[in-house]
């Protein structure tokens, strides 16, 4: 998985290799290749790419996903200049490649 030009993580032989700090990424990949981003914020919007290979190294899927996170700023009035991310309702985002077709599901945890 990558976001923009930055590689996020890779799963190979059921082992996950993170290329960014897990805390900064707030993401994990499930064994089926699904990328899960936790505590999603507007700044997570971007172009995500997943590339999947079979055991012999043959390309199985190469898909690009545009993620747009919408949300409204809470009624917070900072006293001093600060930088913060706007929280949105707790979403559950799943992407799965089946027969070279990418299926993306986004639901909100209520």
N, C-alpha and C. Protein backbone atom coordinates (compact mmCIF):
# COMPACT_ATOMS: atom_id res chain seq x y z
N UNK A 1 0.84 -1.18 0.00
CA UNK A 1 0.00 0.00 0.00
C UNK A 1 0.88 1.24 0.00
N UNK A 2 0.43 2.25 -0.73
CA UNK A 2 1.12 3.54 -0.71
C UNK A 2 0.07 4.64 -0.74
N UNK A 3 0.49 5.81 -0.28
CA UNK A 3 -0.37 7.00 -0.31
C UNK A 3 0.42 8.09 -1.01
N UNK A 4 -0.10 8.56 -2.13
CA UNK A 4 0.68 9.50 -2.94
C UNK A 4 1.95 8.80 -3.40
N UNK A 5 3.08 9.42 -3.17
CA UNK A 5 4.36 8.82 -3.54
C UNK A 5 5.03 8.13 -2.36
N UNK A 6 4.34 8.03 -1.23
CA UNK A 6 4.93 7.45 -0.02
C UNK A 6 4.44 6.02 0.21
N UNK A 7 5.37 5.12 0.32
CA UNK A 7 5.03 3.73 0.61
C UNK A 7 4.61 3.64 2.08
N UNK A 8 3.47 3.00 2.35
CA UNK A 8 2.97 2.89 3.72
C UNK A 8 3.37 1.57 4.35
N UNK A 9 2.98 0.49 3.70
CA UNK A 9 3.27 -0.82 4.26
C UNK A 9 3.18 -1.89 3.19
N UNK A 10 3.68 -3.06 3.56
CA UNK A 10 3.70 -4.19 2.65
C UNK A 10 3.42 -5.45 3.45
N UNK A 11 2.67 -6.36 2.87
CA UNK A 11 2.46 -7.66 3.50
C UNK A 11 3.03 -8.71 2.55
N UNK A 12 3.90 -9.55 3.10
CA UNK A 12 4.53 -10.60 2.31
C UNK A 12 4.75 -11.80 3.21
N UNK A 13 4.33 -12.95 2.74
CA UNK A 13 4.45 -14.19 3.52
C UNK A 13 3.84 -14.02 4.91
N UNK A 14 2.68 -13.34 4.95
CA UNK A 14 1.93 -13.10 6.19
C UNK A 14 2.68 -12.24 7.20
N UNK A 15 3.71 -11.52 6.74
CA UNK A 15 4.46 -10.60 7.60
C UNK A 15 4.25 -9.19 7.08
N UNK A 16 4.04 -8.25 8.01
CA UNK A 16 3.77 -6.86 7.64
C UNK A 16 5.00 -6.02 7.89
N UNK A 17 5.41 -5.25 6.88
CA UNK A 17 6.54 -4.34 6.99
C UNK A 17 6.02 -2.92 6.83
N UNK A 18 6.17 -2.10 7.87
CA UNK A 18 5.72 -0.71 7.83
C UNK A 18 6.87 0.18 7.35
N UNK A 19 6.59 1.08 6.43
CA UNK A 19 7.59 2.02 5.92
C UNK A 19 7.44 3.39 6.56
N UNK A 20 6.39 3.58 7.33
CA UNK A 20 6.18 4.81 8.10
C UNK A 20 5.92 4.39 9.54
N UNK A 21 6.03 5.34 10.46
CA UNK A 21 5.77 5.03 11.86
C UNK A 21 4.31 4.60 12.02
N UNK A 22 4.10 3.49 12.74
CA UNK A 22 2.73 2.99 12.93
C UNK A 22 1.84 4.03 13.60
N UNK A 23 2.40 4.81 14.52
CA UNK A 23 1.63 5.83 15.22
C UNK A 23 1.17 6.91 14.24
N UNK A 24 2.05 7.33 13.35
CA UNK A 24 1.71 8.36 12.37
C UNK A 24 0.74 7.81 11.33
N UNK A 25 0.91 6.57 10.97
CA UNK A 25 0.07 5.94 9.95
C UNK A 25 -1.34 5.66 10.46
N UNK A 26 -1.45 5.21 11.71
CA UNK A 26 -2.73 4.81 12.30
C UNK A 26 -3.43 3.78 11.42
N UNK A 27 -2.65 2.96 10.76
CA UNK A 27 -3.24 1.99 9.85
C UNK A 27 -2.65 0.62 10.08
N UNK A 28 -3.40 -0.35 9.62
CA UNK A 28 -2.90 -1.72 9.64
C UNK A 28 -3.49 -2.43 8.44
N UNK A 29 -2.86 -3.51 8.07
CA UNK A 29 -3.34 -4.30 6.95
C UNK A 29 -3.73 -5.67 7.47
N UNK A 30 -4.88 -6.13 7.04
CA UNK A 30 -5.34 -7.46 7.43
C UNK A 30 -4.71 -8.49 6.50
N UNK A 31 -4.74 -9.74 6.89
CA UNK A 31 -4.08 -10.78 6.10
C UNK A 31 -4.66 -10.90 4.69
N UNK A 32 -5.89 -10.46 4.48
CA UNK A 32 -6.46 -10.51 3.13
C UNK A 32 -6.08 -9.29 2.29
N UNK A 33 -5.25 -8.39 2.85
CA UNK A 33 -4.79 -7.22 2.12
C UNK A 33 -5.58 -5.96 2.38
N UNK A 34 -6.63 -6.03 3.18
CA UNK A 34 -7.45 -4.88 3.49
C UNK A 34 -6.65 -3.87 4.31
N UNK A 35 -6.65 -2.62 3.87
CA UNK A 35 -6.00 -1.55 4.62
C UNK A 35 -7.05 -0.92 5.53
N UNK A 36 -6.75 -0.84 6.81
CA UNK A 36 -7.66 -0.22 7.77
C UNK A 36 -6.97 0.99 8.37
N UNK A 37 -7.60 2.17 8.24
CA UNK A 37 -7.08 3.40 8.81
C UNK A 37 -7.95 3.73 10.01
N UNK A 38 -7.32 3.85 11.17
CA UNK A 38 -8.07 4.12 12.39
C UNK A 38 -8.03 5.61 12.71
N UNK A 39 -9.08 6.10 13.36
CA UNK A 39 -9.20 7.51 13.74
C UNK A 39 -9.03 8.40 12.51
N UNK A 40 -9.80 8.10 11.48
CA UNK A 40 -9.72 8.79 10.21
C UNK A 40 -9.98 10.29 10.37
N UNK A 41 -9.15 11.10 9.72
CA UNK A 41 -9.29 12.56 9.74
C UNK A 41 -9.18 13.07 8.30
N UNK A 42 -9.56 14.33 8.09
CA UNK A 42 -9.53 14.91 6.74
C UNK A 42 -8.16 14.77 6.09
N UNK A 43 -7.11 14.90 6.89
CA UNK A 43 -5.75 14.84 6.35
C UNK A 43 -5.40 13.46 5.78
N UNK A 44 -6.22 12.45 6.06
CA UNK A 44 -6.01 11.12 5.48
C UNK A 44 -6.49 11.06 4.04
N UNK A 45 -7.18 12.10 3.58
CA UNK A 45 -7.63 12.14 2.19
C UNK A 45 -6.41 12.06 1.29
N UNK A 46 -6.57 11.39 0.17
CA UNK A 46 -5.47 11.30 -0.77
C UNK A 46 -5.65 10.15 -1.73
N UNK A 47 -4.62 9.92 -2.50
CA UNK A 47 -4.63 8.84 -3.49
C UNK A 47 -3.87 7.66 -2.90
N UNK A 48 -4.56 6.56 -2.74
CA UNK A 48 -3.99 5.33 -2.20
C UNK A 48 -3.85 4.32 -3.33
N UNK A 49 -2.78 3.55 -3.26
CA UNK A 49 -2.54 2.55 -4.30
C UNK A 49 -2.20 1.22 -3.65
N UNK A 50 -2.81 0.17 -4.16
CA UNK A 50 -2.50 -1.18 -3.69
C UNK A 50 -2.01 -1.99 -4.89
N UNK A 51 -0.94 -2.72 -4.67
CA UNK A 51 -0.39 -3.60 -5.69
C UNK A 51 -0.28 -4.98 -5.08
N UNK A 52 -0.81 -5.97 -5.77
CA UNK A 52 -0.81 -7.34 -5.24
C UNK A 52 -0.13 -8.28 -6.23
N UNK A 53 0.69 -9.17 -5.69
CA UNK A 53 1.40 -10.16 -6.49
C UNK A 53 1.07 -11.55 -5.97
N UNK A 54 1.16 -12.55 -6.85
CA UNK A 54 0.97 -13.92 -6.38
C UNK A 54 2.29 -14.44 -5.82
N UNK A 55 2.31 -15.67 -5.37
CA UNK A 55 3.51 -16.24 -4.73
C UNK A 55 4.71 -16.30 -5.65
N UNK A 56 4.47 -16.31 -6.97
CA UNK A 56 5.56 -16.37 -7.94
C UNK A 56 6.04 -14.99 -8.37
N UNK A 57 5.47 -13.94 -7.78
CA UNK A 57 5.87 -12.58 -8.11
C UNK A 57 5.14 -11.99 -9.30
N UNK A 58 4.13 -12.69 -9.80
CA UNK A 58 3.35 -12.19 -10.94
C UNK A 58 2.31 -11.20 -10.45
N UNK A 59 2.20 -10.07 -11.15
CA UNK A 59 1.25 -9.03 -10.79
C UNK A 59 -0.18 -9.55 -10.89
N UNK A 60 -0.93 -9.42 -9.79
CA UNK A 60 -2.34 -9.84 -9.77
C UNK A 60 -3.27 -8.64 -9.85
N UNK A 61 -2.92 -7.55 -9.18
CA UNK A 61 -3.77 -6.37 -9.16
C UNK A 61 -2.93 -5.14 -8.91
N UNK A 62 -3.33 -4.05 -9.51
CA UNK A 62 -2.67 -2.75 -9.34
C UNK A 62 -3.78 -1.72 -9.42
N UNK A 63 -4.25 -1.27 -8.28
CA UNK A 63 -5.42 -0.40 -8.23
C UNK A 63 -5.12 0.89 -7.49
N UNK A 64 -5.78 1.95 -7.91
CA UNK A 64 -5.65 3.27 -7.28
C UNK A 64 -7.01 3.68 -6.73
N UNK A 65 -7.02 4.20 -5.52
CA UNK A 65 -8.24 4.60 -4.84
C UNK A 65 -8.09 6.05 -4.40
N UNK A 66 -9.09 6.87 -4.66
CA UNK A 66 -9.09 8.24 -4.17
C UNK A 66 -9.98 8.27 -2.93
N UNK A 67 -9.39 8.61 -1.80
CA UNK A 67 -10.12 8.68 -0.53
C UNK A 67 -10.35 10.14 -0.19
N UNK A 68 -11.61 10.49 0.00
CA UNK A 68 -11.98 11.84 0.40
C UNK A 68 -12.69 11.75 1.73
N UNK A 69 -12.13 12.37 2.75
CA UNK A 69 -12.72 12.35 4.09
C UNK A 69 -13.40 13.69 4.32
N UNK A 70 -14.69 13.63 4.62
CA UNK A 70 -15.46 14.83 4.90
C UNK A 70 -15.77 14.88 6.38
N UNK A 71 -15.86 16.05 6.94
CA UNK A 71 -16.19 16.19 8.35
C UNK A 71 -16.29 17.66 8.68
N UNK A 72 -16.87 17.94 9.80
CA UNK A 72 -17.01 19.33 10.22
C UNK A 72 -16.17 19.56 11.46
N UNK A 73 -15.64 20.75 11.54
CA UNK A 73 -14.84 21.13 12.70
C UNK A 73 -15.73 21.20 13.93
N UNK A 74 -15.24 20.63 15.01
CA UNK A 74 -15.97 20.76 16.28
C UNK A 74 -15.92 22.21 16.74
N UNK A 75 -16.77 22.58 17.63
CA UNK A 75 -16.78 23.96 18.15
C UNK A 75 -15.62 24.16 19.13
N UNK A 76 -14.43 24.22 18.59
CA UNK A 76 -13.22 24.40 19.41
C UNK A 76 -12.63 25.75 19.04
N UNK A 77 -12.34 26.54 20.05
CA UNK A 77 -11.72 27.84 19.80
C UNK A 77 -10.34 27.83 20.46
N UNK A 78 -9.30 27.65 19.67
CA UNK A 78 -7.97 27.61 20.25
C UNK A 78 -7.57 28.96 20.83
N UNK A 79 -6.90 28.93 21.98
CA UNK A 79 -6.42 30.15 22.62
C UNK A 79 -5.14 30.62 21.94
N UNK A 80 -4.29 29.68 21.61
CA UNK A 80 -3.05 30.02 20.91
C UNK A 80 -3.03 29.24 19.60
N UNK A 81 -2.19 29.65 18.65
CA UNK A 81 -2.14 28.92 17.38
C UNK A 81 -1.75 27.46 17.61
N UNK A 82 -2.61 26.56 17.18
CA UNK A 82 -2.31 25.14 17.29
C UNK A 82 -2.69 24.47 15.99
N UNK A 83 -2.16 23.29 15.80
CA UNK A 83 -2.51 22.49 14.64
C UNK A 83 -3.22 21.25 15.14
N UNK A 84 -4.36 20.96 14.56
CA UNK A 84 -5.07 19.75 14.96
C UNK A 84 -5.85 19.21 13.79
N UNK A 85 -6.15 17.93 13.88
CA UNK A 85 -6.94 17.27 12.85
C UNK A 85 -8.39 17.26 13.29
N UNK A 86 -9.27 17.39 12.33
CA UNK A 86 -10.69 17.40 12.63
C UNK A 86 -11.20 15.97 12.71
N UNK A 87 -11.76 15.57 13.85
CA UNK A 87 -12.28 14.21 13.95
C UNK A 87 -13.59 14.07 13.17
N UNK A 88 -13.80 12.90 12.64
CA UNK A 88 -15.05 12.57 11.96
C UNK A 88 -15.62 11.34 12.64
N UNK A 89 -16.89 11.00 12.39
CA UNK A 89 -17.42 9.79 13.01
C UNK A 89 -16.53 8.59 12.71
N UNK A 90 -16.48 7.65 13.61
CA UNK A 90 -15.60 6.49 13.51
C UNK A 90 -15.97 5.63 12.28
N UNK A 91 -15.18 5.72 11.19
CA UNK A 91 -15.50 4.92 10.01
C UNK A 91 -14.79 3.58 10.02
N UNK A 92 -15.31 2.68 9.25
CA UNK A 92 -14.66 1.40 9.01
C UNK A 92 -14.47 1.32 7.50
N UNK A 93 -13.22 1.31 7.04
CA UNK A 93 -12.91 1.30 5.63
C UNK A 93 -12.23 -0.01 5.29
N UNK A 94 -12.78 -0.72 4.34
CA UNK A 94 -12.20 -1.99 3.91
C UNK A 94 -12.06 -1.98 2.40
N UNK A 95 -10.95 -2.50 1.91
CA UNK A 95 -10.74 -2.67 0.47
C UNK A 95 -10.27 -4.10 0.25
N UNK A 96 -10.82 -4.73 -0.76
CA UNK A 96 -10.48 -6.11 -1.03
C UNK A 96 -10.37 -6.31 -2.54
N UNK A 97 -9.33 -6.99 -2.97
CA UNK A 97 -9.15 -7.29 -4.39
C UNK A 97 -9.67 -8.69 -4.69
N UNK A 98 -10.62 -8.79 -5.60
CA UNK A 98 -11.16 -10.09 -6.01
C UNK A 98 -11.17 -10.11 -7.54
N UNK A 99 -10.45 -11.05 -8.12
CA UNK A 99 -10.39 -11.18 -9.58
C UNK A 99 -10.07 -9.86 -10.28
N UNK A 100 -9.03 -9.19 -9.81
CA UNK A 100 -8.56 -7.93 -10.38
C UNK A 100 -9.56 -6.79 -10.25
N UNK A 101 -10.55 -6.95 -9.38
CA UNK A 101 -11.52 -5.89 -9.12
C UNK A 101 -11.39 -5.47 -7.67
N UNK A 102 -11.26 -4.18 -7.44
CA UNK A 102 -11.12 -3.67 -6.09
C UNK A 102 -12.49 -3.29 -5.54
N UNK A 103 -12.83 -3.84 -4.39
CA UNK A 103 -14.09 -3.55 -3.72
C UNK A 103 -13.75 -2.73 -2.47
N UNK A 104 -14.32 -1.53 -2.37
CA UNK A 104 -14.07 -0.66 -1.23
C UNK A 104 -15.38 -0.46 -0.49
N UNK A 105 -15.33 -0.63 0.83
CA UNK A 105 -16.52 -0.45 1.66
C UNK A 105 -16.17 0.52 2.77
N UNK A 106 -17.00 1.52 2.94
CA UNK A 106 -16.81 2.47 4.02
C UNK A 106 -18.11 2.56 4.80
N UNK A 107 -18.05 2.31 6.08
CA UNK A 107 -19.22 2.40 6.94
C UNK A 107 -18.84 3.23 8.16
N UNK A 108 -19.84 3.82 8.78
CA UNK A 108 -19.61 4.63 9.97
C UNK A 108 -20.06 3.86 11.19
N UNK A 109 -19.19 3.78 12.16
CA UNK A 109 -19.50 3.13 13.42
C UNK A 109 -20.38 4.09 14.22
N UNK A 110 -21.56 3.65 14.60
CA UNK A 110 -22.47 4.54 15.35
C UNK A 110 -22.61 4.09 16.79
